[in-house]
Amino acid sequence: MARKLLKNIKSDNARNWIEAIKKSNLHFNDVNKWVSCFALAVNEENASFGRVVTSPTNGAAGVVPAVLLYYLCFCENNGEKDIIKFILTSGEIGSLFKKGATISAAVGGCQAEIGVSSAMAAGGLTEVMGGSPKQVLMAAEIAMEHHLGLTCDPIGGLVQIPCIERNSMGAIKAITACNLALSSDPDSAVVHFDTIVETMWRTAQDMNSKYKETSEGGLAFQLPVIMPNC
């Protein structure tokens, strides 16, 4: 995907690679593909036992870096200073979910992993885009709201299927949530961040155990491991 988007332009280091992306076609479809590419790359690295920082988990590790790279490549930014702000903000949102609910798919289904990571990324992006603290929380709430009830059904116990693609979906939702929050008045919001944290936790408790990283429901049940490469 990256080679196609860059039309086989080669770069010898990360900085040159990012500069090449910035100079590439910036139509919406290509930007959308780049976000997916960023998210998938992190999880491919994870799947190949490479170096991965959980954010908040291994299965959901692609969302936050994908949205951060989206910001660095396609938005005006202050470089490292904004990277720190983004990570601190998204990290604190993840901490609030961990304290008030869960970040474990085994406990809460995929909403607790991809949902939380999308909320983290949405909040971090809103912060560096100049949003107020209320807008940051609003973005995080919006991102989680549209992941509520998401099940975890890894095929054969391997989170690479279907989780790896969910990272790209979570990243896109995070960017959308940020845009909505920046265009809205948080004081008029009907659903608040604390409400969504509690709702996610209640949903997690109500969820059938076979949809919580057990490979006993959903796609895992419909598609048993018949592919030796999985």
C-alpha atoms as a PDB file:
ATOM      1  CA  MET A   1       0.000   0.000   0.000  1.00  0.00           C
ATOM      2  CA  ALA A   2       2.805   2.401   0.903  1.00  0.00           C
ATOM      3  CA  ARG A   3       4.717   1.611  -2.301  1.00  0.00           C
ATOM      4  CA  LYS A   4       1.633   2.243  -4.412  1.00  0.00           C
ATOM      5  CA  LEU A   5       0.886   5.527  -2.674  1.00  0.00           C
ATOM      6  CA  LEU A   6       4.472   6.730  -3.088  1.00  0.00           C
ATOM      7  CA  LYS A   7       4.664   5.315  -6.617  1.00  0.00           C
ATOM      8  CA  ASN A   8       7.724   3.288  -5.599  1.00  0.00           C
ATOM      9  CA  ILE A   9       9.709   6.332  -4.448  1.00  0.00           C
ATOM     10  CA  LYS A  10      12.340   4.977  -2.069  1.00  0.00           C
ATOM     11  CA  SER A  11      13.566   6.647   1.117  1.00  0.00           C
ATOM     12  CA  ASP A  12      16.518   5.656   3.255  1.00  0.00           C
ATOM     13  CA  ASN A  13      15.191   6.786   6.652  1.00  0.00           C
ATOM     14  CA  ALA A  14      11.996   7.664   8.499  1.00  0.00           C
ATOM     15  CA  ARG A  15      12.399  11.434   8.121  1.00  0.00           C
ATOM     16  CA  ASN A  16      12.771  11.217   4.342  1.00  0.00           C
ATOM     17  CA  TRP A  17       9.856   8.795   4.199  1.00  0.00           C
ATOM     18  CA  ILE A  18       7.593  11.253   6.019  1.00  0.00           C
ATOM     19  CA  GLU A  19       8.743  14.090   3.778  1.00  0.00           C
ATOM     20  CA  ALA A  20       7.923  11.971   0.727  1.00  0.00           C
ATOM     21  CA  ILE A  21       4.431  11.353   2.113  1.00  0.00           C
ATOM     22  CA  LYS A  22       3.909  15.080   2.655  1.00  0.00           C
ATOM     23  CA  LYS A  23       4.792  15.732  -0.979  1.00  0.00           C
ATOM     24  CA  SER A  24       2.551  12.969  -2.304  1.00  0.00           C
ATOM     25  CA  ASN A  25      -1.024  13.261  -3.532  1.00  0.00           C
ATOM     26  CA  LEU A  26      -3.142  14.701  -0.705  1.00  0.00           C
ATOM     27  CA  HIS A  27      -6.581  13.898  -2.066  1.00  0.00           C
ATOM     28  CA  PHE A  28      -8.983  12.548   0.557  1.00  0.00           C
ATOM     29  CA  ASN A  29      -8.831   8.962  -0.714  1.00  0.00           C
ATOM     30  CA  ASP A  30      -5.049   8.891  -0.502  1.00  0.00           C
ATOM     31  CA  VAL A  31      -4.972  10.433   2.962  1.00  0.00           C
ATOM     32  CA  ASN A  32      -7.536   7.850   4.029  1.00  0.00           C
ATOM     33  CA  LYS A  33      -5.336   5.072   2.631  1.00  0.00           C
ATOM     34  CA  TRP A  34      -2.283   6.460   4.422  1.00  0.00           C
ATOM     35  CA  VAL A  35      -4.092   6.403   7.768  1.00  0.00           C
ATOM     36  CA  SER A  36      -4.967   2.751   7.185  1.00  0.00           C
ATOM     37  CA  CYS A  37      -1.411   2.042   6.092  1.00  0.00           C
ATOM     38  CA  PHE A  38       0.006   3.582   9.283  1.00  0.00           C
ATOM     39  CA  ALA A  39      -2.341   1.570  11.501  1.00  0.00           C
ATOM     40  CA  LEU A  40      -1.781  -1.708   9.677  1.00  0.00           C
ATOM     41  CA  ALA A  41       1.997  -1.264   9.723  1.00  0.00           C
ATOM     42  CA  VAL A  42       2.139  -1.072  13.513  1.00  0.00           C
ATOM     43  CA  ASN A  43       0.142  -4.254  13.879  1.00  0.00           C
ATOM     44  CA  GLU A  44       2.167  -6.058  11.223  1.00  0.00           C
ATOM     45  CA  GLU A  45       5.219  -5.157  13.284  1.00  0.00           C
ATOM     46  CA  ASN A  46       3.434  -6.514  16.336  1.00  0.00           C
ATOM     47  CA  ALA A  47       2.487  -9.748  14.562  1.00  0.00           C
ATOM     48  CA  SER A  48       6.093 -10.311  13.481  1.00  0.00           C
ATOM     49  CA  PHE A  49       7.346  -9.900  17.075  1.00  0.00           C
ATOM     50  CA  GLY A  50       8.792  -6.493  16.356  1.00  0.00           C
ATOM     51  CA  ARG A  51       9.017  -3.490  18.647  1.00  0.00           C
ATOM     52  CA  VAL A  52       5.555  -2.334  19.718  1.00  0.00           C
ATOM     53  CA  VAL A  53       4.385   0.035  22.447  1.00  0.00           C
ATOM     54  CA  THR A  54       0.921  -0.964  23.615  1.00  0.00           C
ATOM     55  CA  SER A  55      -1.539   1.887  23.259  1.00  0.00           C
ATOM     56  CA  PRO A  56      -3.463   0.748  25.192  1.00  0.00           C
ATOM     57  CA  THR A  57      -2.946  -2.911  24.180  1.00  0.00           C
ATOM     58  CA  ASN A  58      -1.034  -4.899  21.577  1.00  0.00           C
ATOM     59  CA  GLY A  59      -4.163  -5.668  19.559  1.00  0.00           C
ATOM     60  CA  ALA A  60      -5.111  -1.979  19.469  1.00  0.00           C
ATOM     61  CA  ALA A  61      -1.607  -0.551  19.200  1.00  0.00           C
ATOM     62  CA  GLY A  62      -2.016   0.863  15.687  1.00  0.00           C
ATOM     63  CA  VAL A  63      -4.687   3.488  16.270  1.00  0.00           C
ATOM     64  CA  VAL A  64      -2.828   6.111  18.314  1.00  0.00           C
ATOM     65  CA  PRO A  65       0.351   6.130  16.188  1.00  0.00           C
ATOM     66  CA  ALA A  66      -1.716   6.156  12.983  1.00  0.00           C
ATOM     67  CA  VAL A  67      -3.609   9.265  14.046  1.00  0.00           C
ATOM     68  CA  LEU A  68      -0.416  10.898  15.299  1.00  0.00           C
ATOM     69  CA  LEU A  69       1.278  10.259  11.940  1.00  0.00           C
ATOM     70  CA  TYR A  70      -1.798  11.608  10.179  1.00  0.00           C
ATOM     71  CA  TYR A  71      -1.355  14.819  12.147  1.00  0.00           C
ATOM     72  CA  LEU A  72       2.387  15.034  11.487  1.00  0.00           C
ATOM     73  CA  CYS A  73       2.047  14.340   7.773  1.00  0.00           C
ATOM     74  CA  PHE A  74      -1.114  16.193   6.816  1.00  0.00           C
ATOM     75  CA  CYS A  75      -1.700  18.980   9.372  1.00  0.00           C
ATOM     76  CA  GLU A  76       0.285  22.044  10.377  1.00  0.00           C
ATOM     77  CA  ASN A  77       2.214  21.128  13.514  1.00  0.00           C
ATOM     78  CA  ASN A  78       5.045  22.031  15.878  1.00  0.00           C
ATOM     79  CA  GLY A  79       6.854  18.736  15.641  1.00  0.00           C
ATOM     80  CA  GLU A  80       8.140  17.159  18.845  1.00  0.00           C
ATOM     81  CA  LYS A  81       6.326  19.614  21.106  1.00  0.00           C
ATOM     82  CA  ASP A  82       2.987  18.507  19.653  1.00  0.00           C
ATOM     83  CA  ILE A  83       3.986  14.857  19.741  1.00  0.00           C
ATOM     84  CA  ILE A  84       4.475  15.134  23.505  1.00  0.00           C
ATOM     85  CA  LYS A  85       1.119  16.907  23.957  1.00  0.00           C
ATOM     86  CA  PHE A  86      -0.617  14.301  21.847  1.00  0.00           C
ATOM     87  CA  ILE A  87       0.858  11.362  23.764  1.00  0.00           C
ATOM     88  CA  LEU A  88       0.260  12.876  27.198  1.00  0.00           C
ATOM     89  CA  THR A  89      -3.359  13.672  26.373  1.00  0.00           C
ATOM     90  CA  SER A  90      -4.162  10.337  24.779  1.00  0.00           C
ATOM     91  CA  GLY A  91      -2.374   8.509  27.582  1.00  0.00           C
ATOM     92  CA  GLU A  92      -4.432  10.235  30.248  1.00  0.00           C
ATOM     93  CA  ILE A  93      -7.662   9.357  28.435  1.00  0.00           C
ATOM     94  CA  GLY A  94      -6.572   5.729  28.327  1.00  0.00           C
ATOM     95  CA  SER A  95      -5.823   5.899  32.032  1.00  0.00           C
ATOM     96  CA  LEU A  96      -9.326   7.200  32.755  1.00  0.00           C
ATOM     97  CA  PHE A  97     -10.856   4.275  30.885  1.00  0.00           C
ATOM     98  CA  LYS A  98      -8.630   1.821  32.732  1.00  0.00           C
ATOM     99  CA  LYS A  99      -9.602   3.286  36.103  1.00  0.00           C
ATOM    100  CA  GLY A 100     -13.308   3.647  35.328  1.00  0.00           C
ATOM    101  CA  ALA A 101     -13.905   0.602  33.122  1.00  0.00           C
ATOM    102  CA  THR A 102     -11.375  -1.694  31.429  1.00  0.00           C
ATOM    103  CA  ILE A 103      -8.884  -1.832  28.560  1.00  0.00           C
ATOM    104  CA  SER A 104      -8.952  -5.626  28.361  1.00  0.00           C
ATOM    105  CA  ALA A 105     -10.802  -7.406  25.553  1.00  0.00           C
ATOM    106  CA  ALA A 106     -10.963 -10.484  27.768  1.00  0.00           C
ATOM    107  CA  VAL A 107     -13.022  -8.394  30.193  1.00  0.00           C
ATOM    108  CA  GLY A 108     -14.919  -6.015  27.928  1.00  0.00           C
ATOM    109  CA  GLY A 109     -14.687  -7.162  24.336  1.00  0.00           C
ATOM    110  CA  CYS A 110     -13.043  -5.192  21.554  1.00  0.00           C
ATOM    111  CA  GLN A 111     -14.773  -1.982  22.664  1.00  0.00           C
ATOM    112  CA  ALA A 112     -12.258  -1.995  25.512  1.00  0.00           C
ATOM    113  CA  GLU A 113      -9.299  -2.112  23.132  1.00  0.00           C
ATOM    114  CA  ILE A 114     -10.077  -0.530  19.761  1.00  0.00           C
ATOM    115  CA  GLY A 115     -12.774   1.632  21.343  1.00  0.00           C
ATOM    116  CA  VAL A 116     -10.429   2.951  24.007  1.00  0.00           C
ATOM    117  CA  SER A 117      -7.543   3.453  21.581  1.00  0.00           C
ATOM    118  CA  SER A 118      -9.830   5.379  19.224  1.00  0.00           C
ATOM    119  CA  ALA A 119     -10.980   7.576  22.114  1.00  0.00           C
ATOM    120  CA  MET A 120      -7.358   8.134  23.131  1.00  0.00           C
ATOM    121  CA  ALA A 121      -6.363   9.132  19.595  1.00  0.00           C
ATOM    122  CA  ALA A 122      -9.401  11.384  19.176  1.00  0.00           C
ATOM    123  CA  GLY A 123      -8.571  13.253  22.370  1.00  0.00           C
ATOM    124  CA  GLY A 124      -4.897  13.571  21.511  1.00  0.00           C
ATOM    125  CA  LEU A 125      -5.634  14.890  18.040  1.00  0.00           C
ATOM    126  CA  THR A 126      -8.170  17.393  19.362  1.00  0.00           C
ATOM    127  CA  GLU A 127      -5.611  18.697  21.861  1.00  0.00           C
ATOM    128  CA  VAL A 128      -2.929  19.396  19.245  1.00  0.00           C
ATOM    129  CA  MET A 129      -5.513  20.822  16.841  1.00  0.00           C
ATOM    130  CA  GLY A 130      -6.227  23.548  19.376  1.00  0.00           C
ATOM    131  CA  GLY A 131      -9.330  22.151  21.023  1.00  0.00           C
ATOM    132  CA  SER A 132     -10.355  23.061  24.554  1.00  0.00           C
ATOM    133  CA  PRO A 133     -10.214  20.475  27.376  1.00  0.00           C
ATOM    134  CA  LYS A 134     -13.991  20.058  27.029  1.00  0.00           C
ATOM    135  CA  GLN A 135     -13.643  19.437  23.303  1.00  0.00           C
ATOM    136  CA  VAL A 136     -10.891  16.895  23.974  1.00  0.00           C
ATOM    137  CA  LEU A 137     -13.230  14.935  26.242  1.00  0.00           C
ATOM    138  CA  MET A 138     -16.066  15.360  23.767  1.00  0.00           C
ATOM    139  CA  ALA A 139     -13.938  13.848  20.983  1.00  0.00           C
ATOM    140  CA  ALA A 140     -12.981  10.919  23.196  1.00  0.00           C
ATOM    141  CA  GLU A 141     -16.627  10.375  24.093  1.00  0.00           C
ATOM    142  CA  ILE A 142     -17.743  10.443  20.453  1.00  0.00           C
ATOM    143  CA  ALA A 143     -15.081   7.926  19.435  1.00  0.00           C
ATOM    144  CA  MET A 144     -16.043   5.486  22.198  1.00  0.00           C
ATOM    145  CA  GLU A 145     -19.766   5.987  21.687  1.00  0.00           C
ATOM    146  CA  HIS A 146     -19.473   4.475  18.224  1.00  0.00           C
ATOM    147  CA  HIS A 147     -17.519   1.455  19.435  1.00  0.00           C
ATOM    148  CA  LEU A 148     -19.908   0.453  22.222  1.00  0.00           C
ATOM    149  CA  GLY A 149     -20.700  -3.254  22.145  1.00  0.00           C
ATOM    150  CA  LEU A 150     -17.871  -4.165  19.748  1.00  0.00           C
ATOM    151  CA  THR A 151     -17.071  -7.821  20.300  1.00  0.00           C
ATOM    152  CA  CYS A 152     -13.698  -9.513  20.338  1.00  0.00           C
ATOM    153  CA  ASP A 153     -13.697 -12.677  18.251  1.00  0.00           C
ATOM    154  CA  PRO A 154     -10.099 -13.550  17.331  1.00  0.00           C
ATOM    155  CA  ILE A 155      -9.902 -16.435  14.882  1.00  0.00           C
ATOM    156  CA  GLY A 156      -8.056 -19.272  16.532  1.00  0.00           C
ATOM    157  CA  GLY A 157      -7.085 -16.968  19.364  1.00  0.00           C
ATOM    158  CA  LEU A 158      -4.961 -14.801  17.074  1.00  0.00           C
ATOM    159  CA  VAL A 159      -5.806 -11.114  17.341  1.00  0.00           C
ATOM    160  CA  GLN A 160      -4.378 -10.418  13.891  1.00  0.00           C
ATOM    161  CA  ILE A 161      -7.793 -11.443  12.541  1.00  0.00           C
ATOM    162  CA  PRO A 162      -9.962  -9.360  12.605  1.00  0.00           C
ATOM    163  CA  CYS A 163      -8.256  -6.889  14.960  1.00  0.00           C
ATOM    164  CA  ILE A 164      -5.590  -5.712  12.554  1.00  0.00           C
ATOM    165  CA  GLU A 165      -8.160  -4.083  10.239  1.00  0.00           C
ATOM    166  CA  ARG A 166     -10.081  -2.663  13.178  1.00  0.00           C
ATOM    167  CA  ASN A 167      -7.071  -0.476  13.941  1.00  0.00           C
ATOM    168  CA  SER A 168      -7.516   1.359  10.651  1.00  0.00           C
ATOM    169  CA  MET A 169     -11.244   1.733  11.331  1.00  0.00           C
ATOM    170  CA  GLY A 170     -10.573   3.028  14.835  1.00  0.00           C
ATOM    171  CA  ALA A 171      -8.092   5.580  13.493  1.00  0.00           C
ATOM    172  CA  ILE A 172     -10.571   6.952  10.964  1.00  0.00           C
ATOM    173  CA  LYS A 173     -13.272   7.167  13.631  1.00  0.00           C
ATOM    174  CA  ALA A 174     -10.857   9.064  15.885  1.00  0.00           C
ATOM    175  CA  ILE A 175     -10.180  11.673  13.203  1.00  0.00           C
ATOM    176  CA  THR A 176     -13.908  12.029  12.531  1.00  0.00           C
ATOM    177  CA  ALA A 177     -14.626  12.376  16.256  1.00  0.00           C
ATOM    178  CA  CYS A 178     -12.003  15.122  16.497  1.00  0.00           C
ATOM    179  CA  ASN A 179     -13.526  17.037  13.597  1.00  0.00           C
ATOM    180  CA  LEU A 180     -16.998  16.768  15.119  1.00  0.00           C
ATOM    181  CA  ALA A 181     -15.802  17.940  18.522  1.00  0.00           C
ATOM    182  CA  LEU A 182     -13.897  20.907  17.078  1.00  0.00           C
ATOM    183  CA  SER A 183     -17.049  21.931  15.211  1.00  0.00           C
ATOM    184  CA  SER A 184     -19.305  21.619  18.261  1.00  0.00           C
ATOM    185  CA  ASP A 185     -20.080  23.296  21.564  1.00  0.00           C
ATOM    186  CA  PRO A 186     -19.271  20.791  24.349  1.00  0.00           C
ATOM    187  CA  ASP A 187     -21.601  22.617  26.732  1.00  0.00           C
ATOM    188  CA  SER A 188     -24.500  21.524  24.527  1.00  0.00           C
ATOM    189  CA  ALA A 189     -23.456  17.867  24.441  1.00  0.00           C
ATOM    190  CA  VAL A 190     -26.066  15.337  25.555  1.00  0.00           C
ATOM    191  CA  VAL A 191     -23.606  12.524  26.310  1.00  0.00           C
ATOM    192  CA  HIS A 192     -20.538  13.273  28.428  1.00  0.00           C
ATOM    193  CA  PHE A 193     -17.219  11.497  28.846  1.00  0.00           C
ATOM    194  CA  ASP A 194     -17.915  10.129  32.326  1.00  0.00           C
ATOM    195  CA  THR A 195     -21.222   8.753  31.058  1.00  0.00           C
ATOM    196  CA  ILE A 196     -19.578   6.891  28.191  1.00  0.00           C
ATOM    197  CA  VAL A 197     -16.950   5.363  30.481  1.00  0.00           C
ATOM    198  CA  GLU A 198     -19.637   4.032  32.806  1.00  0.00           C
ATOM    199  CA  THR A 199     -21.756   2.844  29.885  1.00  0.00           C
ATOM    200  CA  MET A 200     -18.839   0.971  28.356  1.00  0.00           C
ATOM    201  CA  TRP A 201     -18.193  -0.747  31.671  1.00  0.00           C
ATOM    202  CA  ARG A 202     -21.825  -1.758  32.057  1.00  0.00           C
ATOM    203  CA  THR A 203     -21.875  -3.015  28.472  1.00  0.00           C
ATOM    204  CA  ALA A 204     -18.749  -5.040  29.179  1.00  0.00           C
ATOM    205  CA  GLN A 205     -20.377  -6.682  32.185  1.00  0.00           C
ATOM    206  CA  ASP A 206     -23.494  -7.533  30.181  1.00  0.00           C
ATOM    207  CA  MET A 207     -21.598  -8.935  27.189  1.00  0.00           C
ATOM    208  CA  ASN A 208     -21.702 -12.680  26.661  1.00  0.00           C
ATOM    209  CA  SER A 209     -18.365 -14.235  27.608  1.00  0.00           C
ATOM    210  CA  LYS A 210     -17.969 -15.947  24.224  1.00  0.00           C
ATOM    211  CA  TYR A 211     -17.466 -12.512  22.649  1.00  0.00           C
ATOM    212  CA  LYS A 212     -14.614 -11.608  24.986  1.00  0.00           C
ATOM    213  CA  GLU A 213     -11.409 -12.861  23.360  1.00  0.00           C
ATOM    214  CA  THR A 214     -12.358 -16.525  23.716  1.00  0.00           C
ATOM    215  CA  SER A 215     -12.612 -17.488  20.015  1.00  0.00           C
ATOM    216  CA  GLU A 216     -15.991 -19.051  20.822  1.00  0.00           C
ATOM    217  CA  GLY A 217     -18.252 -16.575  18.990  1.00  0.00           C
ATOM    218  CA  GLY A 218     -18.547 -14.216  16.033  1.00  0.00           C
ATOM    219  CA  LEU A 219     -16.050 -14.582  13.201  1.00  0.00           C
ATOM    220  CA  ALA A 220     -14.014 -17.028  15.249  1.00  0.00           C
ATOM    221  CA  PHE A 221     -16.953 -19.418  15.281  1.00  0.00           C
ATOM    222  CA  GLN A 222     -17.842 -18.876  11.615  1.00  0.00           C
ATOM    223  CA  LEU A 223     -14.233 -19.123  10.404  1.00  0.00           C
ATOM    224  CA  PRO A 224     -12.253 -21.733  12.302  1.00  0.00           C
ATOM    225  CA  VAL A 225      -8.552 -21.830  11.558  1.00  0.00           C
ATOM    226  CA  ILE A 226      -8.303 -23.571   8.207  1.00  0.00           C
ATOM    227  CA  MET A 227      -5.458 -21.412   6.917  1.00  0.00           C
ATOM    228  CA  PRO A 228      -2.074 -22.634   8.173  1.00  0.00           C
ATOM    229  CA  ASN A 229      -0.534 -19.177   7.706  1.00  0.00           C
ATOM    230  CA  CYS A 230      -2.879 -17.537  10.241  1.00  0.00           C
END
